[in-house]
Amino acid sequence: MPGRDADPRDAHGLSGALLAAGAAVLFLGTLFYIRLTPELGLPTAAEHRVQALADAVTIGPRPMLLAGGLAFFGDVLLTAGCLALIGRRRLRDSDLEPFGWSLIAISAAIAIVFDSTMAVVLAPLAQLADPGPFVAFKGWFDLLFAAGNVPFGVGAIAVLAADMRADAPLLPKALAAFGIAVGVVALVSGAGYVAGVLVVPPAIGLAVTFGCVVFAVLGVQIARHERRGRSLDAAAGLAASAVAGVRS
């Protein structure tokens, strides 16, 4: 039986727009990550980090700056948008949605760290004679990237499941179900990498890319829903004033 969502009067149109903008910018960042090699741009096995060093030298700093820098700004916007949406809506019998937004915000905050590392730290380290610093920071990048997928996956599942259970879902069920599947992939691939039992770099990266698409659409829908709600409230207020004027 679907839960009934509360009807808070606070508008979150700007928060939805912020979520959509963050997801869109992060999506662009992931496209620039695709231009890097898998060993450099994705979490990889420890024995492949020397290859990542060679790739960083060959590719040069600009592609790394574009990938990490764009993703960094997307992370910042996404973190802010998720934090702003924590209080937007909750089912009457569950706090599933704020729980999910909190976890996605944590994931995006973690991404701020590893994306900035890609943007400005790894390229200079790749120029050093000693490969140790690069390998160490690349290992940190890999761990944070994979670990950040865990709260993202759980949070995405929670937010989208809550939307499906709401009285007025914002996403088509097929898109919400796709987003939940992406969340499962993010959770399993991230946790598997951290535990050292499953290293599937494309799954870790593509979960973020496809997740951005789903949350960009959700952000647009939130902004549109809140704007429409305010318009209806204004129309109702004008109608009530007109009726009161006629009666007087």
Protein backbone atom coordinates (compact mmCIF):
# COMPACT_ATOMS: atom_id res chain seq x y z
CA MET A 1 0.00 0.00 0.00
CA PRO A 2 1.61 3.29 -1.03
CA GLY A 3 2.49 5.79 1.65
CA ARG A 4 0.93 9.21 1.71
CA ASP A 5 3.30 12.13 1.40
CA ALA A 6 2.99 15.18 3.57
CA ASP A 7 2.17 18.47 1.86
CA PRO A 8 4.66 21.02 3.16
CA ARG A 9 4.03 24.58 2.08
CA ASP A 10 7.70 25.44 1.63
CA ALA A 11 8.67 25.89 -2.01
CA HIS A 12 11.72 24.01 -3.29
CA GLY A 13 11.76 25.15 -6.90
CA LEU A 14 15.26 26.63 -6.63
CA SER A 15 16.47 23.50 -4.84
CA GLY A 16 15.18 21.37 -7.70
CA ALA A 17 16.90 23.62 -10.21
CA LEU A 18 20.12 23.35 -8.18
CA LEU A 19 19.87 19.55 -8.21
CA ALA A 20 19.28 19.52 -11.97
CA ALA A 21 22.20 21.88 -12.61
CA GLY A 22 24.56 19.86 -10.42
CA ALA A 23 23.59 16.59 -12.08
CA ALA A 24 23.96 18.12 -15.56
CA VAL A 25 27.41 19.61 -14.86
CA LEU A 26 28.59 16.39 -13.23
CA PHE A 27 27.31 14.46 -16.25
CA LEU A 28 29.50 16.65 -18.49
CA GLY A 29 32.41 15.97 -16.16
CA THR A 30 31.92 12.22 -16.53
CA LEU A 31 32.06 12.60 -20.32
CA PHE A 32 35.49 14.21 -19.95
CA TYR A 33 36.50 11.38 -17.62
CA ILE A 34 35.63 8.95 -20.42
CA ARG A 35 38.29 10.67 -22.53
CA LEU A 36 40.91 9.55 -20.00
CA THR A 37 42.11 5.97 -19.88
CA PRO A 38 40.24 3.55 -17.57
CA GLU A 39 43.39 3.10 -15.48
CA LEU A 40 43.68 6.85 -14.91
CA GLY A 41 40.07 8.02 -14.76
CA LEU A 42 38.47 5.15 -12.85
CA PRO A 43 39.25 3.14 -9.72
CA THR A 44 41.64 0.43 -10.79
CA ALA A 45 43.51 -2.51 -9.30
CA ALA A 46 46.65 -1.57 -7.39
CA GLU A 47 48.94 -3.20 -9.96
CA HIS A 48 47.56 -0.90 -12.68
CA ARG A 49 48.42 2.38 -10.97
CA VAL A 50 51.86 2.50 -12.59
CA GLN A 51 50.08 2.39 -15.94
CA ALA A 52 47.88 5.24 -14.74
CA LEU A 53 51.07 7.20 -14.07
CA ALA A 54 52.27 6.59 -17.63
CA ASP A 55 48.86 7.62 -18.97
CA ALA A 56 48.92 10.85 -16.95
CA VAL A 57 52.30 11.76 -18.44
CA THR A 58 51.10 10.98 -21.96
CA ILE A 59 47.71 12.71 -21.69
CA GLY A 60 48.96 15.79 -19.89
CA PRO A 61 47.30 18.03 -17.31
CA ARG A 62 44.59 19.75 -19.40
CA PRO A 63 42.27 16.75 -19.97
CA MET A 64 42.65 15.84 -16.29
CA LEU A 65 41.82 19.42 -15.27
CA LEU A 66 38.73 19.50 -17.48
CA ALA A 67 37.45 16.16 -16.19
CA GLY A 68 38.11 16.79 -12.53
CA GLY A 69 37.27 20.50 -12.63
CA LEU A 70 33.87 20.12 -14.31
CA ALA A 71 32.97 17.22 -12.05
CA PHE A 72 34.10 19.25 -9.02
CA PHE A 73 31.64 22.06 -9.77
CA GLY A 74 28.91 19.51 -10.41
CA ASP A 75 29.68 17.92 -7.03
CA VAL A 76 29.38 21.28 -5.27
CA LEU A 77 26.01 22.07 -6.85
CA LEU A 78 24.75 18.53 -6.25
CA THR A 79 25.76 18.61 -2.59
CA ALA A 80 23.97 21.92 -2.08
CA GLY A 81 20.88 20.75 -3.96
CA CYS A 82 20.57 17.52 -1.96
CA LEU A 83 21.02 19.33 1.35
CA ALA A 84 18.34 21.83 0.36
CA LEU A 85 15.93 19.02 -0.54
CA ILE A 86 16.23 17.07 2.71
CA GLY A 87 13.20 18.83 4.17
CA ARG A 88 11.12 18.94 0.98
CA ARG A 89 8.87 15.91 1.39
CA ARG A 90 8.48 12.85 3.53
CA LEU A 91 6.00 10.03 3.46
CA ARG A 92 3.62 10.03 6.40
CA ASP A 93 4.92 6.68 7.61
CA SER A 94 8.58 6.97 6.61
CA ASP A 95 11.59 9.29 6.45
CA LEU A 96 12.95 7.40 3.43
CA GLU A 97 13.33 10.45 1.19
CA PRO A 98 15.31 12.72 3.57
CA PHE A 99 17.42 9.67 4.45
CA GLY A 100 18.23 9.26 0.75
CA TRP A 101 19.00 12.93 0.09
CA SER A 102 21.38 12.95 3.07
CA LEU A 103 23.33 9.99 1.69
CA ILE A 104 23.56 11.42 -1.82
CA ALA A 105 24.82 14.70 -0.33
CA ILE A 106 27.54 12.78 1.53
CA SER A 107 28.50 10.97 -1.67
CA ALA A 108 28.76 14.25 -3.60
CA ALA A 109 30.85 15.78 -0.80
CA ILE A 110 33.27 12.84 -1.02
CA ALA A 111 33.43 13.38 -4.79
CA ILE A 112 34.51 16.99 -4.22
CA VAL A 113 37.72 15.61 -2.73
CA PHE A 114 38.64 13.03 -5.37
CA ASP A 115 37.57 15.15 -8.35
CA SER A 116 39.72 18.04 -7.13
CA THR A 117 42.57 15.54 -6.77
CA MET A 118 42.20 14.61 -10.42
CA ALA A 119 41.96 18.26 -11.45
CA VAL A 120 45.06 19.69 -9.78
CA VAL A 121 47.06 17.08 -7.83
CA LEU A 122 47.75 14.02 -9.97
CA ALA A 123 49.23 15.76 -13.03
CA PRO A 124 52.06 17.53 -11.14
CA LEU A 125 52.80 14.34 -9.18
CA ALA A 126 53.14 12.44 -12.45
CA GLN A 127 56.10 14.69 -13.37
CA LEU A 128 58.13 13.70 -10.31
CA ALA A 129 61.03 11.29 -10.62
CA ASP A 130 59.68 9.26 -7.71
CA PRO A 131 56.43 7.47 -8.66
CA GLY A 132 55.51 6.92 -5.01
CA PRO A 133 53.50 10.12 -4.40
CA PHE A 134 51.46 9.67 -7.60
CA VAL A 135 50.70 6.03 -6.84
CA ALA A 136 49.67 6.91 -3.28
CA PHE A 137 47.33 9.74 -4.32
CA LYS A 138 45.92 7.64 -7.16
CA GLY A 139 45.14 4.94 -4.59
CA TRP A 140 43.35 7.57 -2.49
CA PHE A 141 41.44 8.75 -5.56
CA ASP A 142 40.41 5.17 -6.33
CA LEU A 143 39.25 4.45 -2.79
CA LEU A 144 37.21 7.65 -2.47
CA PHE A 145 35.63 7.20 -5.91
CA ALA A 146 34.52 3.64 -5.18
CA ALA A 147 33.54 4.31 -1.56
CA GLY A 148 31.48 7.33 -2.60
CA ASN A 149 29.39 5.09 -4.82
CA VAL A 150 28.10 3.24 -1.76
CA PRO A 151 26.14 6.13 -0.15
CA PHE A 152 25.16 7.31 -3.63
CA GLY A 153 23.68 3.92 -4.45
CA VAL A 154 21.79 3.57 -1.18
CA GLY A 155 20.61 7.19 -1.36
CA ALA A 156 19.42 6.87 -4.95
CA ILE A 157 17.46 3.73 -4.12
CA ALA A 158 15.84 5.47 -1.14
CA VAL A 159 14.91 8.70 -2.93
CA LEU A 160 13.51 6.97 -6.01
CA ALA A 161 11.66 4.32 -4.01
CA ALA A 162 10.08 7.11 -1.94
CA ASP A 163 9.04 8.91 -5.12
CA MET A 164 7.41 5.73 -6.44
CA ARG A 165 5.46 5.34 -3.17
CA ALA A 166 4.32 8.96 -3.03
CA ASP A 167 0.78 10.07 -3.79
CA ALA A 168 2.05 12.17 -6.71
CA PRO A 169 5.27 10.65 -8.13
CA LEU A 170 7.41 13.03 -10.14
CA LEU A 171 9.11 10.43 -12.33
CA PRO A 172 7.59 7.78 -14.60
CA LYS A 173 7.84 4.40 -12.91
CA ALA A 174 10.09 3.04 -15.66
CA LEU A 175 12.64 5.84 -15.16
CA ALA A 176 12.48 5.52 -11.36
CA ALA A 177 12.99 1.75 -11.64
CA PHE A 178 15.96 2.33 -13.97
CA GLY A 179 17.43 4.76 -11.43
CA ILE A 180 17.00 2.19 -8.65
CA ALA A 181 18.82 -0.38 -10.80
CA VAL A 182 21.63 2.15 -11.30
CA GLY A 183 21.73 2.63 -7.53
CA VAL A 184 22.09 -1.12 -7.01
CA VAL A 185 24.98 -1.23 -9.50
CA ALA A 186 26.65 1.73 -7.76
CA LEU A 187 26.27 0.08 -4.35
CA VAL A 188 27.51 -3.35 -5.40
CA SER A 189 30.41 -2.13 -7.55
CA GLY A 190 31.57 0.40 -4.96
CA ALA A 191 31.33 -1.95 -1.99
CA GLY A 192 32.92 -4.76 -4.00
CA TYR A 193 35.91 -2.60 -4.88
CA VAL A 194 36.43 -1.39 -1.32
CA ALA A 195 36.18 -4.96 -0.02
CA GLY A 196 38.62 -6.14 -2.68
CA VAL A 197 36.30 -8.82 -4.02
CA LEU A 198 34.92 -7.16 -7.16
CA VAL A 199 36.85 -4.72 -9.35
CA VAL A 200 34.64 -3.56 -12.23
CA PRO A 201 35.73 0.02 -13.02
CA PRO A 202 33.20 0.64 -15.84
CA ALA A 203 30.32 -0.21 -13.50
CA ILE A 204 31.59 2.30 -10.93
CA GLY A 205 31.91 5.08 -13.50
CA LEU A 206 28.79 4.44 -15.56
CA ALA A 207 26.62 4.27 -12.43
CA VAL A 208 27.52 7.91 -11.80
CA THR A 209 26.93 8.89 -15.43
CA PHE A 210 23.48 7.29 -15.65
CA GLY A 211 22.60 8.42 -12.14
CA CYS A 212 23.23 12.01 -13.22
CA VAL A 213 20.70 11.63 -16.02
CA VAL A 214 18.01 10.37 -13.65
CA PHE A 215 18.60 13.09 -11.05
CA ALA A 216 18.79 15.85 -13.65
CA VAL A 217 15.29 14.84 -14.77
CA LEU A 218 14.10 14.60 -11.15
CA GLY A 219 15.50 18.06 -10.39
CA VAL A 220 13.67 19.56 -13.37
CA GLN A 221 10.46 17.84 -12.26
CA ILE A 222 10.81 19.17 -8.71
CA ALA A 223 11.34 22.70 -10.02
CA ARG A 224 8.34 22.42 -12.34
CA HIS A 225 6.12 20.89 -9.66
CA GLU A 226 6.95 23.60 -7.12
CA ARG A 227 6.42 26.36 -9.69
CA ARG A 228 3.08 24.87 -10.71
CA GLY A 229 2.06 24.55 -7.07
CA ARG A 230 2.85 28.20 -6.40
CA SER A 231 0.92 29.23 -9.51
CA LEU A 232 -2.12 27.25 -8.35
CA ASP A 233 -1.88 28.79 -4.88
CA ALA A 234 -1.72 32.28 -6.41
CA ALA A 235 -4.70 31.55 -8.66
CA ALA A 236 -6.68 30.20 -5.71
CA GLY A 237 -5.84 33.31 -3.71
CA LEU A 238 -6.96 35.60 -6.49
CA ALA A 239 -10.19 33.63 -6.92
CA ALA A 240 -10.90 33.82 -3.19
CA SER A 241 -10.26 37.57 -3.22
CA ALA A 242 -12.56 38.02 -6.19
CA VAL A 243 -15.35 36.02 -4.54
CA ALA A 244 -14.94 38.00 -1.34
CA GLY A 245 -15.12 41.24 -3.33
CA VAL A 246 -18.31 40.18 -5.07
CA ARG A 247 -19.95 39.16 -1.81
CA SER A 248 -19.09 42.46 -0.20
